[in-house]
């Protein structure tokens, strides 16, 4: 309580925002760790990529005027 009396209202607000921001970051990291353990994935796994089929090549003979 003694420290709160030394700071102005603006300083208390900035310190409070910094504390809440740090708390949100910690909650985000904990949530990510819990989610990874529930899904059974490690942090360094390679995710499979999906290959999209190449578009058809239209030649001028196949195209007709509208």
N, C-alpha and C. Protein backbone atom coordinates (compact mmCIF):
# COMPACT_ATOMS: atom_id res chain seq x y z
N UNK A 1 0.82 -1.20 0.00
CA UNK A 1 0.00 0.00 0.00
C UNK A 1 0.86 1.26 0.00
N UNK A 2 2.04 1.15 0.62
CA UNK A 2 2.92 2.29 0.68
C UNK A 2 3.44 2.66 -0.71
N UNK A 3 3.71 1.64 -1.56
CA UNK A 3 4.19 1.91 -2.91
C UNK A 3 3.11 2.57 -3.76
N UNK A 4 1.86 2.19 -3.55
CA UNK A 4 0.77 2.78 -4.32
C UNK A 4 0.61 4.27 -4.00
N UNK A 5 0.97 4.68 -2.83
CA UNK A 5 0.86 6.09 -2.46
C UNK A 5 1.95 6.93 -3.12
N UNK A 6 3.04 6.32 -3.52
CA UNK A 6 4.15 7.07 -4.12
C UNK A 6 3.94 7.32 -5.61
N UNK A 7 3.15 6.50 -6.28
CA UNK A 7 2.96 6.64 -7.72
C UNK A 7 1.73 7.49 -8.02
N UNK A 8 1.76 8.15 -9.19
CA UNK A 8 0.59 8.88 -9.64
C UNK A 8 -0.42 7.90 -10.22
N UNK A 9 -1.61 8.38 -10.50
CA UNK A 9 -2.65 7.51 -11.06
C UNK A 9 -2.24 6.94 -12.42
N UNK A 10 -1.58 7.77 -13.23
CA UNK A 10 -1.14 7.29 -14.54
C UNK A 10 -0.09 6.19 -14.41
N UNK A 11 0.83 6.35 -13.48
CA UNK A 11 1.86 5.34 -13.29
C UNK A 11 1.26 4.04 -12.78
N UNK A 12 0.29 4.12 -11.89
CA UNK A 12 -0.37 2.92 -11.39
C UNK A 12 -1.11 2.22 -12.53
N UNK A 13 -1.73 2.99 -13.42
CA UNK A 13 -2.44 2.40 -14.56
C UNK A 13 -1.48 1.70 -15.50
N UNK A 14 -0.33 2.31 -15.78
CA UNK A 14 0.65 1.70 -16.69
C UNK A 14 1.21 0.43 -16.06
N UNK A 15 1.52 0.45 -14.79
CA UNK A 15 2.04 -0.73 -14.11
C UNK A 15 0.98 -1.83 -14.10
N UNK A 16 -0.27 -1.46 -13.84
CA UNK A 16 -1.36 -2.44 -13.85
C UNK A 16 -1.53 -3.07 -15.22
N UNK A 17 -1.45 -2.28 -16.28
CA UNK A 17 -1.56 -2.82 -17.64
C UNK A 17 -0.41 -3.76 -17.96
N UNK A 18 0.79 -3.42 -17.51
CA UNK A 18 1.94 -4.29 -17.75
C UNK A 18 1.78 -5.62 -17.03
N UNK A 19 1.26 -5.59 -15.81
CA UNK A 19 1.04 -6.82 -15.04
C UNK A 19 -0.02 -7.68 -15.70
N UNK A 20 -1.11 -7.05 -16.16
CA UNK A 20 -2.18 -7.81 -16.82
C UNK A 20 -1.69 -8.39 -18.14
N UNK A 21 -0.90 -7.63 -18.89
CA UNK A 21 -0.34 -8.12 -20.15
C UNK A 21 0.55 -9.33 -19.92
N UNK A 22 1.40 -9.26 -18.90
CA UNK A 22 2.27 -10.40 -18.58
C UNK A 22 1.42 -11.60 -18.16
N UNK A 23 0.36 -11.37 -17.41
CA UNK A 23 -0.52 -12.47 -17.03
C UNK A 23 -1.18 -13.12 -18.23
N UNK A 24 -1.59 -12.32 -19.20
CA UNK A 24 -2.20 -12.87 -20.43
C UNK A 24 -1.19 -13.70 -21.22
N UNK A 25 0.05 -13.24 -21.29
CA UNK A 25 1.07 -14.01 -21.99
C UNK A 25 1.31 -15.36 -21.31
N UNK A 26 1.36 -15.35 -19.99
CA UNK A 26 1.56 -16.59 -19.25
C UNK A 26 0.38 -17.53 -19.46
N UNK A 27 -0.84 -17.01 -19.43
CA UNK A 27 -2.02 -17.85 -19.67
C UNK A 27 -2.00 -18.42 -21.08
N UNK A 28 -1.55 -17.64 -22.07
CA UNK A 28 -1.48 -18.11 -23.44
C UNK A 28 -0.47 -19.26 -23.56
N UNK A 29 0.68 -19.13 -22.94
CA UNK A 29 1.70 -20.18 -23.00
C UNK A 29 1.22 -21.45 -22.32
N UNK A 30 0.57 -21.31 -21.17
CA UNK A 30 0.04 -22.49 -20.46
C UNK A 30 -1.05 -23.16 -21.30
N UNK A 31 -1.91 -22.37 -21.91
CA UNK A 31 -2.97 -22.91 -22.75
C UNK A 31 -2.39 -23.66 -23.94
N UNK A 32 -1.34 -23.14 -24.54
CA UNK A 32 -0.71 -23.81 -25.67
C UNK A 32 -0.10 -25.13 -25.23
N UNK A 33 0.55 -25.15 -24.09
CA UNK A 33 1.16 -26.40 -23.60
C UNK A 33 0.09 -27.44 -23.31
N UNK A 34 -1.01 -27.03 -22.71
CA UNK A 34 -2.09 -27.96 -22.40
C UNK A 34 -2.71 -28.47 -23.70
N UNK A 35 -2.95 -27.59 -24.66
CA UNK A 35 -3.53 -28.00 -25.93
C UNK A 35 -2.64 -28.96 -26.69
N UNK A 36 -1.33 -28.70 -26.69
CA UNK A 36 -0.41 -29.61 -27.38
C UNK A 36 -0.38 -30.97 -26.70
N UNK A 37 -0.44 -31.01 -25.38
CA UNK A 37 -0.40 -32.30 -24.70
C UNK A 37 -1.70 -33.07 -24.90
N UNK A 38 -2.84 -32.37 -24.98
CA UNK A 38 -4.12 -33.04 -25.21
C UNK A 38 -4.17 -33.62 -26.62
N UNK A 39 -3.69 -32.86 -27.61
CA UNK A 39 -3.70 -33.33 -29.00
C UNK A 39 -2.57 -34.30 -29.28
N UNK A 40 -1.60 -34.40 -28.38
CA UNK A 40 -0.51 -35.33 -28.55
C UNK A 40 0.55 -34.87 -29.52
N UNK A 41 0.66 -33.59 -29.72
CA UNK A 41 1.67 -33.06 -30.62
C UNK A 41 2.76 -32.37 -29.81
N UNK A 42 3.98 -32.56 -30.26
CA UNK A 42 5.08 -31.83 -29.67
C UNK A 42 5.22 -30.48 -30.34
N UNK A 43 6.11 -29.70 -29.84
CA UNK A 43 6.28 -28.37 -30.39
C UNK A 43 7.01 -28.40 -31.73
N UNK A 44 7.87 -29.40 -31.95
CA UNK A 44 8.71 -29.42 -33.14
C UNK A 44 8.25 -30.45 -34.17
N UNK A 45 6.99 -30.70 -34.26
CA UNK A 45 6.52 -31.67 -35.24
C UNK A 45 6.34 -30.98 -36.59
N UNK A 46 6.52 -31.76 -37.64
CA UNK A 46 6.28 -31.25 -38.99
C UNK A 46 4.84 -31.51 -39.36
N UNK A 47 4.17 -30.48 -39.76
CA UNK A 47 2.79 -30.64 -40.17
C UNK A 47 2.75 -31.05 -41.64
N UNK A 48 1.90 -31.98 -41.96
CA UNK A 48 1.78 -32.44 -43.34
C UNK A 48 1.15 -31.34 -44.18
N UNK A 49 1.70 -31.15 -45.36
CA UNK A 49 1.14 -30.15 -46.25
C UNK A 49 0.27 -30.83 -47.29
N UNK A 50 -0.70 -30.11 -47.74
CA UNK A 50 -1.63 -30.63 -48.74
C UNK A 50 -1.25 -30.03 -50.08
N UNK A 51 -0.99 -30.90 -51.04
CA UNK A 51 -0.64 -30.44 -52.38
C UNK A 51 -1.91 -30.18 -53.17
N UNK A 52 -2.01 -29.02 -53.74
CA UNK A 52 -3.16 -28.68 -54.57
C UNK A 52 -2.89 -29.15 -55.99
N UNK A 53 -3.91 -29.66 -56.67
CA UNK A 53 -3.70 -30.09 -58.06
C UNK A 53 -3.43 -28.89 -58.95
N UNK A 54 -2.59 -29.11 -59.94
CA UNK A 54 -2.28 -28.00 -60.85
C UNK A 54 -3.49 -27.74 -61.73
N UNK A 55 -3.72 -26.49 -62.09
CA UNK A 55 -4.88 -26.18 -62.95
C UNK A 55 -4.69 -26.76 -64.34
N UNK A 56 -5.82 -27.07 -64.96
CA UNK A 56 -5.78 -27.61 -66.32
C UNK A 56 -5.23 -26.58 -67.28
N UNK A 57 -4.48 -27.07 -68.22
CA UNK A 57 -3.95 -26.19 -69.25
C UNK A 57 -4.95 -26.14 -70.41
N UNK A 58 -5.56 -25.00 -70.62
CA UNK A 58 -6.51 -24.84 -71.72
C UNK A 58 -5.76 -24.36 -72.96
N UNK A 59 -5.88 -25.10 -74.00
CA UNK A 59 -5.26 -24.66 -75.25
C UNK A 59 -6.28 -23.85 -76.04
N UNK A 60 -5.81 -23.16 -77.01
CA UNK A 60 -6.70 -22.31 -77.80
C UNK A 60 -7.67 -23.13 -78.63
N UNK A 61 -7.31 -24.37 -78.98
CA UNK A 61 -8.23 -25.20 -79.77
C UNK A 61 -9.44 -25.62 -78.95
N UNK A 62 -9.26 -25.80 -77.65
CA UNK A 62 -10.36 -26.26 -76.81
C UNK A 62 -11.30 -25.14 -76.42
N UNK A 63 -10.86 -23.93 -76.49
CA UNK A 63 -11.69 -22.80 -76.08
C UNK A 63 -12.58 -22.36 -77.22
N UNK A 64 -13.80 -22.01 -76.89
CA UNK A 64 -14.74 -21.55 -77.92
C UNK A 64 -15.20 -20.15 -77.55
N UNK A 65 -15.51 -19.39 -78.55
CA UNK A 65 -15.98 -18.03 -78.33
C UNK A 65 -17.40 -18.07 -77.78
N UNK A 66 -17.72 -17.11 -76.98
CA UNK A 66 -19.06 -17.07 -76.38
C UNK A 66 -20.09 -16.56 -77.37
